[in-house]
Amino acid sequence: MKTIYIVRHAKSSWKYTSVKDHDRPLKERGINDAHLISKFLAKKIKRPDVFISSSANRALQTGIIFCENFGYPMANLKISKQLYSFSDGYLVKTAKALDDNFDSAIIFSHDHGINTFVNKFGSKPVAHVTTCGVVGIQFKEKHWKDIKKGTTVLVEFPKYHK
């Protein structure tokens, strides 16, 4: 059995207009939400075996906060330029390419791709994954490359915890 947690990056800042989209940082609300959700999850779920983040600054900052609150070594956080995409294609490729030694994974990525992924692979429709929203999906398959439709086991958004 495999479990994947998909996290949309926390709220980013548009304060610096000269900063490229890839380099936008989190705003204070985003930092607070990332701590709120990751601390909640760290008490609710077993720490995922692998943490993978988009290379975009806002996703990476979100991933680092989750690493901190889960006690996951930041040096082991995997960074993927491919996840800086707004389609589900790279999320699917990333999930299906996971090492079978990992029973669980947490991936930090972006809007649109996440919404498509969780609705394609999960059992519970999710209208919109908000910033710093997390959706967990469990699969019966033994190999990541074989994952198909799974069971949505977790849907958490910061607004539920404020």
N, C-alpha and C. Protein backbone atom coordinates (compact mmCIF):
# COMPACT_ATOMS: atom_id res chain seq x y z
N MET A 1 0.84 -1.18 0.00
CA MET A 1 0.00 0.00 0.00
C MET A 1 0.89 1.25 0.00
N LYS A 2 0.51 2.24 -0.77
CA LYS A 2 1.27 3.49 -0.91
C LYS A 2 0.36 4.67 -0.54
N THR A 3 0.95 5.69 0.05
CA THR A 3 0.20 6.90 0.39
C THR A 3 0.98 8.12 -0.07
N ILE A 4 0.27 9.02 -0.73
CA ILE A 4 0.90 10.27 -1.18
C ILE A 4 0.14 11.44 -0.59
N TYR A 5 0.89 12.43 -0.16
CA TYR A 5 0.31 13.68 0.34
C TYR A 5 0.74 14.78 -0.62
N ILE A 6 -0.22 15.46 -1.20
CA ILE A 6 0.06 16.54 -2.13
C ILE A 6 -0.24 17.85 -1.41
N VAL A 7 0.75 18.74 -1.39
CA VAL A 7 0.62 20.02 -0.69
C VAL A 7 0.76 21.15 -1.71
N ARG A 8 -0.22 22.02 -1.74
CA ARG A 8 -0.06 23.24 -2.53
C ARG A 8 0.77 24.21 -1.69
N HIS A 9 1.73 24.86 -2.31
CA HIS A 9 2.57 25.80 -1.57
C HIS A 9 1.72 26.80 -0.80
N ALA A 10 2.26 27.32 0.28
CA ALA A 10 1.57 28.32 1.10
C ALA A 10 1.47 29.65 0.34
N LYS A 11 0.72 30.57 0.90
CA LYS A 11 0.44 31.87 0.27
C LYS A 11 1.73 32.64 0.00
N SER A 12 1.90 33.02 -1.25
CA SER A 12 3.11 33.74 -1.64
C SER A 12 2.87 35.24 -1.70
N SER A 13 3.97 35.96 -1.73
CA SER A 13 3.93 37.41 -1.74
C SER A 13 4.05 37.95 -3.16
N TRP A 14 3.25 38.95 -3.45
CA TRP A 14 3.34 39.67 -4.73
C TRP A 14 3.95 41.05 -4.49
N LYS A 15 4.51 41.25 -3.32
CA LYS A 15 5.03 42.56 -2.90
C LYS A 15 6.15 43.06 -3.82
N TYR A 16 6.98 42.16 -4.26
CA TYR A 16 8.15 42.55 -5.06
C TYR A 16 7.85 42.29 -6.53
N THR A 17 7.46 43.35 -7.24
CA THR A 17 7.03 43.20 -8.63
C THR A 17 8.17 42.84 -9.58
N SER A 18 9.38 43.10 -9.18
CA SER A 18 10.51 42.79 -10.07
C SER A 18 11.00 41.34 -9.91
N VAL A 19 10.44 40.61 -8.97
CA VAL A 19 10.85 39.23 -8.74
C VAL A 19 10.15 38.31 -9.73
N LYS A 20 10.90 37.41 -10.34
CA LYS A 20 10.32 36.44 -11.27
C LYS A 20 9.37 35.52 -10.51
N ASP A 21 8.38 34.98 -11.22
CA ASP A 21 7.39 34.10 -10.60
C ASP A 21 8.06 32.96 -9.84
N HIS A 22 9.06 32.34 -10.42
CA HIS A 22 9.76 31.22 -9.80
C HIS A 22 10.37 31.60 -8.46
N ASP A 23 10.74 32.86 -8.29
CA ASP A 23 11.47 33.31 -7.10
C ASP A 23 10.61 33.95 -6.03
N ARG A 24 9.29 34.05 -6.25
CA ARG A 24 8.42 34.70 -5.27
C ARG A 24 8.48 33.97 -3.92
N PRO A 25 8.68 34.73 -2.83
CA PRO A 25 8.73 34.13 -1.50
C PRO A 25 7.33 33.99 -0.88
N LEU A 26 7.28 33.34 0.25
CA LEU A 26 6.03 33.28 1.01
C LEU A 26 5.80 34.62 1.70
N LYS A 27 4.53 34.95 1.88
CA LYS A 27 4.22 36.11 2.70
C LYS A 27 4.02 35.62 4.13
N GLU A 28 3.88 36.51 5.07
CA GLU A 28 3.79 36.13 6.48
C GLU A 28 2.64 35.15 6.72
N ARG A 29 1.50 35.41 6.10
CA ARG A 29 0.35 34.50 6.25
C ARG A 29 0.73 33.10 5.78
N GLY A 30 1.47 33.01 4.68
CA GLY A 30 1.89 31.72 4.15
C GLY A 30 2.81 30.98 5.11
N ILE A 31 3.74 31.71 5.70
CA ILE A 31 4.65 31.11 6.68
C ILE A 31 3.85 30.58 7.87
N ASN A 32 2.92 31.38 8.36
CA ASN A 32 2.09 30.97 9.49
C ASN A 32 1.23 29.75 9.15
N ASP A 33 0.61 29.76 7.96
CA ASP A 33 -0.22 28.63 7.54
C ASP A 33 0.61 27.35 7.40
N ALA A 34 1.81 27.46 6.85
CA ALA A 34 2.67 26.29 6.68
C ALA A 34 3.03 25.68 8.03
N HIS A 35 3.32 26.52 9.01
CA HIS A 35 3.60 26.01 10.36
C HIS A 35 2.34 25.38 10.96
N LEU A 36 1.21 26.05 10.82
CA LEU A 36 -0.06 25.56 11.37
C LEU A 36 -0.40 24.17 10.83
N ILE A 37 -0.39 24.02 9.51
CA ILE A 37 -0.78 22.76 8.88
C ILE A 37 0.26 21.67 9.14
N SER A 38 1.54 22.00 9.03
CA SER A 38 2.56 20.97 9.21
C SER A 38 2.60 20.48 10.66
N LYS A 39 2.41 21.36 11.63
CA LYS A 39 2.37 20.93 13.03
C LYS A 39 1.15 20.04 13.28
N PHE A 40 0.01 20.41 12.70
CA PHE A 40 -1.19 19.59 12.83
C PHE A 40 -0.96 18.20 12.22
N LEU A 41 -0.43 18.17 11.00
CA LEU A 41 -0.20 16.90 10.31
C LEU A 41 0.82 16.02 11.02
N ALA A 42 1.85 16.65 11.57
CA ALA A 42 2.90 15.88 12.25
C ALA A 42 2.33 15.09 13.43
N LYS A 43 1.22 15.56 13.99
CA LYS A 43 0.55 14.84 15.08
C LYS A 43 -0.46 13.82 14.57
N LYS A 44 -0.92 14.02 13.34
CA LYS A 44 -2.01 13.20 12.79
C LYS A 44 -1.54 12.03 11.94
N ILE A 45 -0.44 12.20 11.21
CA ILE A 45 0.02 11.15 10.30
C ILE A 45 1.45 10.74 10.62
N LYS A 46 1.80 9.56 10.17
CA LYS A 46 3.19 9.11 10.27
C LYS A 46 4.01 9.94 9.28
N ARG A 47 5.23 10.30 9.68
CA ARG A 47 6.08 11.12 8.81
C ARG A 47 6.29 10.39 7.47
N PRO A 48 6.02 11.08 6.35
CA PRO A 48 6.26 10.47 5.04
C PRO A 48 7.73 10.07 4.88
N ASP A 49 7.95 9.06 4.07
CA ASP A 49 9.30 8.53 3.84
C ASP A 49 10.17 9.47 3.02
N VAL A 50 9.55 10.24 2.15
CA VAL A 50 10.31 11.14 1.28
C VAL A 50 9.55 12.45 1.10
N PHE A 51 10.28 13.56 1.09
CA PHE A 51 9.74 14.90 0.87
C PHE A 51 10.31 15.40 -0.44
N ILE A 52 9.43 15.87 -1.35
CA ILE A 52 9.86 16.35 -2.66
C ILE A 52 9.19 17.69 -2.92
N SER A 53 9.97 18.66 -3.39
CA SER A 53 9.42 19.99 -3.62
C SER A 53 9.75 20.50 -5.02
N SER A 54 8.82 21.27 -5.55
CA SER A 54 9.10 22.09 -6.72
C SER A 54 10.29 22.99 -6.38
N SER A 55 11.03 23.36 -7.39
CA SER A 55 12.17 24.26 -7.19
C SER A 55 11.76 25.71 -6.96
N ALA A 56 10.50 26.04 -7.18
CA ALA A 56 10.04 27.42 -6.96
C ALA A 56 10.18 27.79 -5.49
N ASN A 57 10.63 28.99 -5.23
CA ASN A 57 10.92 29.46 -3.89
C ASN A 57 9.75 29.23 -2.92
N ARG A 58 8.53 29.57 -3.32
CA ARG A 58 7.38 29.45 -2.43
C ARG A 58 7.08 28.00 -2.06
N ALA A 59 7.25 27.08 -2.99
CA ALA A 59 7.05 25.67 -2.70
C ALA A 59 8.18 25.14 -1.82
N LEU A 60 9.39 25.55 -2.15
CA LEU A 60 10.56 25.12 -1.38
C LEU A 60 10.49 25.62 0.07
N GLN A 61 10.09 26.88 0.26
CA GLN A 61 9.95 27.41 1.62
C GLN A 61 8.88 26.62 2.39
N THR A 62 7.79 26.29 1.72
CA THR A 62 6.74 25.48 2.35
C THR A 62 7.30 24.12 2.75
N GLY A 63 8.02 23.49 1.84
CA GLY A 63 8.62 22.19 2.12
C GLY A 63 9.60 22.23 3.29
N ILE A 64 10.39 23.29 3.36
CA ILE A 64 11.36 23.43 4.46
C ILE A 64 10.64 23.54 5.80
N ILE A 65 9.56 24.29 5.85
CA ILE A 65 8.79 24.42 7.09
C ILE A 65 8.21 23.06 7.49
N PHE A 66 7.70 22.31 6.53
CA PHE A 66 7.18 20.97 6.82
C PHE A 66 8.29 20.06 7.31
N CYS A 67 9.47 20.11 6.69
CA CYS A 67 10.61 19.31 7.15
C CYS A 67 10.91 19.62 8.61
N GLU A 68 10.95 20.89 8.92
CA GLU A 68 11.26 21.33 10.28
C GLU A 68 10.26 20.75 11.28
N ASN A 69 8.98 20.86 10.97
CA ASN A 69 7.95 20.43 11.92
C ASN A 69 7.72 18.92 11.95
N PHE A 70 8.15 18.22 10.92
CA PHE A 70 8.08 16.76 10.92
C PHE A 70 9.38 16.13 11.41
N GLY A 71 10.41 16.94 11.63
CA GLY A 71 11.70 16.39 12.03
C GLY A 71 12.37 15.62 10.90
N TYR A 72 12.11 16.04 9.67
CA TYR A 72 12.70 15.40 8.49
C TYR A 72 13.96 16.19 8.12
N PRO A 73 15.08 15.51 7.90
CA PRO A 73 16.32 16.24 7.58
C PRO A 73 16.20 17.07 6.30
N MET A 74 16.39 18.37 6.43
CA MET A 74 16.27 19.25 5.26
C MET A 74 17.25 18.87 4.15
N ALA A 75 18.38 18.31 4.53
CA ALA A 75 19.36 17.88 3.53
C ALA A 75 18.81 16.76 2.64
N ASN A 76 17.77 16.07 3.11
CA ASN A 76 17.17 14.98 2.33
C ASN A 76 15.98 15.44 1.48
N LEU A 77 15.58 16.70 1.62
CA LEU A 77 14.48 17.24 0.81
C LEU A 77 14.90 17.22 -0.66
N LYS A 78 14.13 16.50 -1.46
CA LYS A 78 14.44 16.42 -2.89
C LYS A 78 13.79 17.60 -3.60
N ILE A 79 14.53 18.20 -4.53
CA ILE A 79 14.03 19.37 -5.26
C ILE A 79 13.91 19.00 -6.73
N SER A 80 12.75 19.30 -7.30
CA SER A 80 12.48 18.94 -8.69
C SER A 80 12.08 20.18 -9.50
N LYS A 81 12.87 20.50 -10.49
CA LYS A 81 12.52 21.61 -11.39
C LYS A 81 11.26 21.27 -12.18
N GLN A 82 11.05 19.98 -12.45
CA GLN A 82 9.88 19.55 -13.22
C GLN A 82 8.56 19.87 -12.51
N LEU A 83 8.58 19.90 -11.18
CA LEU A 83 7.35 20.18 -10.45
C LEU A 83 6.93 21.64 -10.52
N TYR A 84 7.80 22.49 -11.07
CA TYR A 84 7.41 23.88 -11.31
C TYR A 84 6.65 23.89 -12.63
N SER A 85 5.47 23.31 -12.56
CA SER A 85 4.60 23.16 -13.71
C SER A 85 3.18 23.30 -13.19
N PHE A 86 2.31 23.75 -14.02
CA PHE A 86 0.94 23.95 -13.59
C PHE A 86 -0.01 22.95 -14.23
N SER A 87 0.55 21.81 -14.65
CA SER A 87 -0.28 20.71 -15.12
C SER A 87 0.00 19.52 -14.22
N ASP A 88 -0.89 18.53 -14.27
CA ASP A 88 -0.69 17.37 -13.40
C ASP A 88 0.33 16.39 -13.98
N GLY A 89 0.77 16.60 -15.21
CA GLY A 89 1.68 15.66 -15.87
C GLY A 89 2.93 15.35 -15.07
N TYR A 90 3.59 16.39 -14.56
CA TYR A 90 4.82 16.15 -13.82
C TYR A 90 4.55 15.59 -12.42
N LEU A 91 3.41 15.91 -11.85
CA LEU A 91 3.04 15.29 -10.57
C LEU A 91 2.85 13.79 -10.77
N VAL A 92 2.16 13.42 -11.83
CA VAL A 92 1.93 12.00 -12.13
C VAL A 92 3.28 11.31 -12.36
N LYS A 93 4.14 11.92 -13.20
CA LYS A 93 5.46 11.33 -13.47
C LYS A 93 6.28 11.19 -12.20
N THR A 94 6.24 12.22 -11.35
CA THR A 94 6.99 12.18 -10.09
C THR A 94 6.48 11.06 -9.19
N ALA A 95 5.17 10.97 -9.04
CA ALA A 95 4.58 9.93 -8.18
C ALA A 95 4.89 8.54 -8.72
N LYS A 96 4.73 8.34 -10.01
CA LYS A 96 4.94 7.01 -10.59
C LYS A 96 6.42 6.61 -10.64
N ALA A 97 7.30 7.58 -10.48
CA ALA A 97 8.75 7.29 -10.50
C ALA A 97 9.33 7.11 -9.09
N LEU A 98 8.49 7.23 -8.07
CA LEU A 98 8.99 7.09 -6.70
C LEU A 98 9.57 5.70 -6.48
N ASP A 99 10.58 5.64 -5.65
CA ASP A 99 11.23 4.38 -5.28
C ASP A 99 10.24 3.53 -4.49
N ASP A 100 10.09 2.28 -4.86
CA ASP A 100 9.15 1.39 -4.18
C ASP A 100 9.52 1.12 -2.73
N ASN A 101 10.73 1.46 -2.32
CA ASN A 101 11.10 1.33 -0.91
C ASN A 101 10.37 2.36 -0.05
N PHE A 102 9.85 3.41 -0.68
CA PHE A 102 9.06 4.43 0.03
C PHE A 102 7.59 4.01 0.01
N ASP A 103 6.99 3.91 1.19
CA ASP A 103 5.56 3.63 1.26
C ASP A 103 4.73 4.89 1.27
N SER A 104 5.38 6.02 1.57
CA SER A 104 4.65 7.29 1.60
C SER A 104 5.56 8.41 1.11
N ALA A 105 4.91 9.44 0.56
CA ALA A 105 5.64 10.59 0.03
C ALA A 105 4.80 11.84 0.24
N ILE A 106 5.48 12.98 0.36
CA ILE A 106 4.79 14.27 0.42
C ILE A 106 5.43 15.14 -0.65
N ILE A 107 4.59 15.74 -1.48
CA ILE A 107 5.06 16.53 -2.62
C ILE A 107 4.49 17.94 -2.52
N PHE A 108 5.35 18.93 -2.67
CA PHE A 108 4.97 20.34 -2.61
C PHE A 108 4.99 20.91 -4.02
N SER A 109 3.82 21.38 -4.49
CA SER A 109 3.74 21.83 -5.87
C SER A 109 2.76 22.99 -6.00
N HIS A 110 2.11 23.10 -7.16
CA HIS A 110 1.37 24.31 -7.54
C HIS A 110 -0.08 24.04 -7.95
N ASP A 111 -0.85 25.13 -7.97
CA ASP A 111 -2.26 25.12 -8.34
C ASP A 111 -2.46 24.48 -9.71
N HIS A 112 -3.65 24.16 -10.02
CA HIS A 112 -4.10 23.55 -11.28
C HIS A 112 -3.62 22.11 -11.39
N GLY A 113 -2.32 21.90 -11.41
CA GLY A 113 -1.80 20.54 -11.48
C GLY A 113 -2.25 19.72 -10.28
N ILE A 114 -2.22 20.34 -9.12
CA ILE A 114 -2.65 19.65 -7.90
C ILE A 114 -4.14 19.32 -7.97
N ASN A 115 -4.95 20.30 -8.35
CA ASN A 115 -6.40 20.07 -8.42
C ASN A 115 -6.72 18.92 -9.37
N THR A 116 -6.08 18.90 -10.52
CA THR A 116 -6.31 17.84 -11.49
C THR A 116 -5.86 16.50 -10.93
N PHE A 117 -4.68 16.46 -10.31
CA PHE A 117 -4.13 15.21 -9.77
C PHE A 117 -5.04 14.62 -8.70
N VAL A 118 -5.44 15.43 -7.70
CA VAL A 118 -6.22 14.87 -6.59
C VAL A 118 -7.61 14.42 -7.04
N ASN A 119 -8.15 15.04 -8.08
CA ASN A 119 -9.45 14.61 -8.58
C ASN A 119 -9.34 13.41 -9.52
N LYS A 120 -8.23 13.27 -10.18
CA LYS A 120 -8.00 12.12 -11.07
C LYS A 120 -7.70 10.87 -10.25
N PHE A 121 -6.88 11.00 -9.20
CA PHE A 121 -6.42 9.85 -8.44
C PHE A 121 -7.16 9.61 -7.14
N GLY A 122 -7.82 10.62 -6.60
CA GLY A 122 -8.53 10.47 -5.33
C GLY A 122 -9.97 10.02 -5.52
N SER A 123 -10.60 9.65 -4.40
CA SER A 123 -11.98 9.17 -4.44
C SER A 123 -12.99 10.24 -4.03
N LYS A 124 -12.50 11.35 -3.51
CA LYS A 124 -13.37 12.42 -3.03
C LYS A 124 -13.13 13.66 -3.87
N PRO A 125 -14.17 14.20 -4.50
CA PRO A 125 -13.97 15.42 -5.30
C PRO A 125 -13.52 16.58 -4.41
N VAL A 126 -12.53 17.30 -4.88
CA VAL A 126 -12.05 18.49 -4.18
C VAL A 126 -12.15 19.64 -5.18
N ALA A 127 -13.02 20.61 -4.88
CA ALA A 127 -13.26 21.70 -5.82
C ALA A 127 -12.02 22.55 -6.06
N HIS A 128 -11.28 22.84 -4.99
CA HIS A 128 -10.11 23.71 -5.13
C HIS A 128 -9.19 23.50 -3.93
N VAL A 129 -7.96 23.12 -4.20
CA VAL A 129 -6.98 22.98 -3.13
C VAL A 129 -6.41 24.37 -2.86
N THR A 130 -6.69 24.88 -1.67
CA THR A 130 -6.25 26.23 -1.32
C THR A 130 -4.74 26.26 -1.06
N THR A 131 -4.19 27.45 -0.95
CA THR A 131 -2.78 27.55 -0.59
C THR A 131 -2.57 26.85 0.74
N CYS A 132 -1.53 26.08 0.80
CA CYS A 132 -1.14 25.26 1.95
C CYS A 132 -2.16 24.16 2.26
N GLY A 133 -3.02 23.86 1.30
CA GLY A 133 -3.94 22.74 1.44
C GLY A 133 -3.19 21.43 1.21
N VAL A 134 -3.65 20.39 1.89
CA VAL A 134 -3.03 19.07 1.78
C VAL A 134 -4.11 18.04 1.48
N VAL A 135 -3.83 17.19 0.50
CA VAL A 135 -4.73 16.09 0.20
C VAL A 135 -3.90 14.81 0.22
N GLY A 136 -4.39 13.82 0.98
CA GLY A 136 -3.72 12.53 1.07
C GLY A 136 -4.52 11.48 0.32
N ILE A 137 -3.82 10.67 -0.47
CA ILE A 137 -4.47 9.62 -1.24
C ILE A 137 -3.71 8.31 -0.99
N GLN A 138 -4.47 7.27 -0.69
CA GLN A 138 -3.88 5.96 -0.44
C GLN A 138 -4.19 5.05 -1.63
N PHE A 139 -3.17 4.27 -2.01
CA PHE A 139 -3.29 3.37 -3.15
C PHE A 139 -3.06 1.94 -2.70
N LYS A 140 -3.80 1.01 -3.28
CA LYS A 140 -3.65 -0.41 -2.96
C LYS A 140 -2.45 -1.04 -3.66
N GLU A 141 -1.98 -0.42 -4.71
CA GLU A 141 -0.88 -0.98 -5.49
C GLU A 141 0.40 -1.09 -4.66
N LYS A 142 1.24 -2.06 -5.00
CA LYS A 142 2.53 -2.26 -4.32
C LYS A 142 3.63 -1.43 -4.95
N HIS A 143 3.44 -1.04 -6.20
CA HIS A 143 4.46 -0.30 -6.94
C HIS A 143 3.90 1.06 -7.35
N TRP A 144 4.69 2.09 -7.12
CA TRP A 144 4.26 3.44 -7.49
C TRP A 144 3.91 3.54 -8.97
N LYS A 145 4.66 2.88 -9.81
CA LYS A 145 4.43 2.99 -11.26
C LYS A 145 3.05 2.48 -11.67
N ASP A 146 2.42 1.67 -10.80
CA ASP A 146 1.13 1.07 -11.10
C ASP A 146 -0.06 1.81 -10.50
N ILE A 147 0.19 2.93 -9.79
CA ILE A 147 -0.94 3.58 -9.11
C ILE A 147 -2.03 4.00 -10.09
N LYS A 148 -3.26 3.78 -9.62
CA LYS A 148 -4.44 4.16 -10.39
C LYS A 148 -5.33 4.97 -9.45
N LYS A 149 -6.60 4.79 -9.55
CA LYS A 149 -7.53 5.49 -8.66
C LYS A 149 -7.33 4.99 -7.23
N GLY A 150 -7.16 5.93 -6.31
CA GLY A 150 -6.95 5.56 -4.91
C GLY A 150 -8.10 6.05 -4.05
N THR A 151 -7.87 6.05 -2.75
CA THR A 151 -8.86 6.50 -1.78
C THR A 151 -8.36 7.77 -1.11
N THR A 152 -9.14 8.82 -1.17
CA THR A 152 -8.78 10.07 -0.49
C THR A 152 -8.91 9.83 1.01
N VAL A 153 -7.81 9.99 1.73
CA VAL A 153 -7.79 9.72 3.17
C VAL A 153 -7.62 10.99 4.00
N LEU A 154 -7.35 12.11 3.35
CA LEU A 154 -7.10 13.34 4.09
C LEU A 154 -7.34 14.55 3.19
N VAL A 155 -8.08 15.52 3.68
CA VAL A 155 -8.23 16.82 3.02
C VAL A 155 -8.18 17.85 4.15
N GLU A 156 -7.11 18.63 4.18
CA GLU A 156 -6.93 19.63 5.24
C GLU A 156 -6.53 20.96 4.61
N PHE A 157 -7.22 22.00 5.04
CA PHE A 157 -6.92 23.35 4.59
C PHE A 157 -6.70 24.22 5.82
N PRO A 158 -5.85 25.26 5.71
CA PRO A 158 -5.58 26.12 6.88
C PRO A 158 -6.86 26.69 7.51
N LYS A 159 -7.86 27.00 6.71
CA LYS A 159 -9.08 27.62 7.25
C LYS A 159 -9.79 26.72 8.26
N TYR A 160 -9.55 25.40 8.20
CA TYR A 160 -10.15 24.47 9.16
C TYR A 160 -9.50 24.59 10.54
N HIS A 161 -8.33 25.19 10.61
CA HIS A 161 -7.55 25.16 11.84
C HIS A 161 -7.34 26.53 12.48
N LYS A 162 -7.97 27.55 11.94
CA LYS A 162 -7.76 28.90 12.49
C LYS A 162 -8.85 29.23 13.49
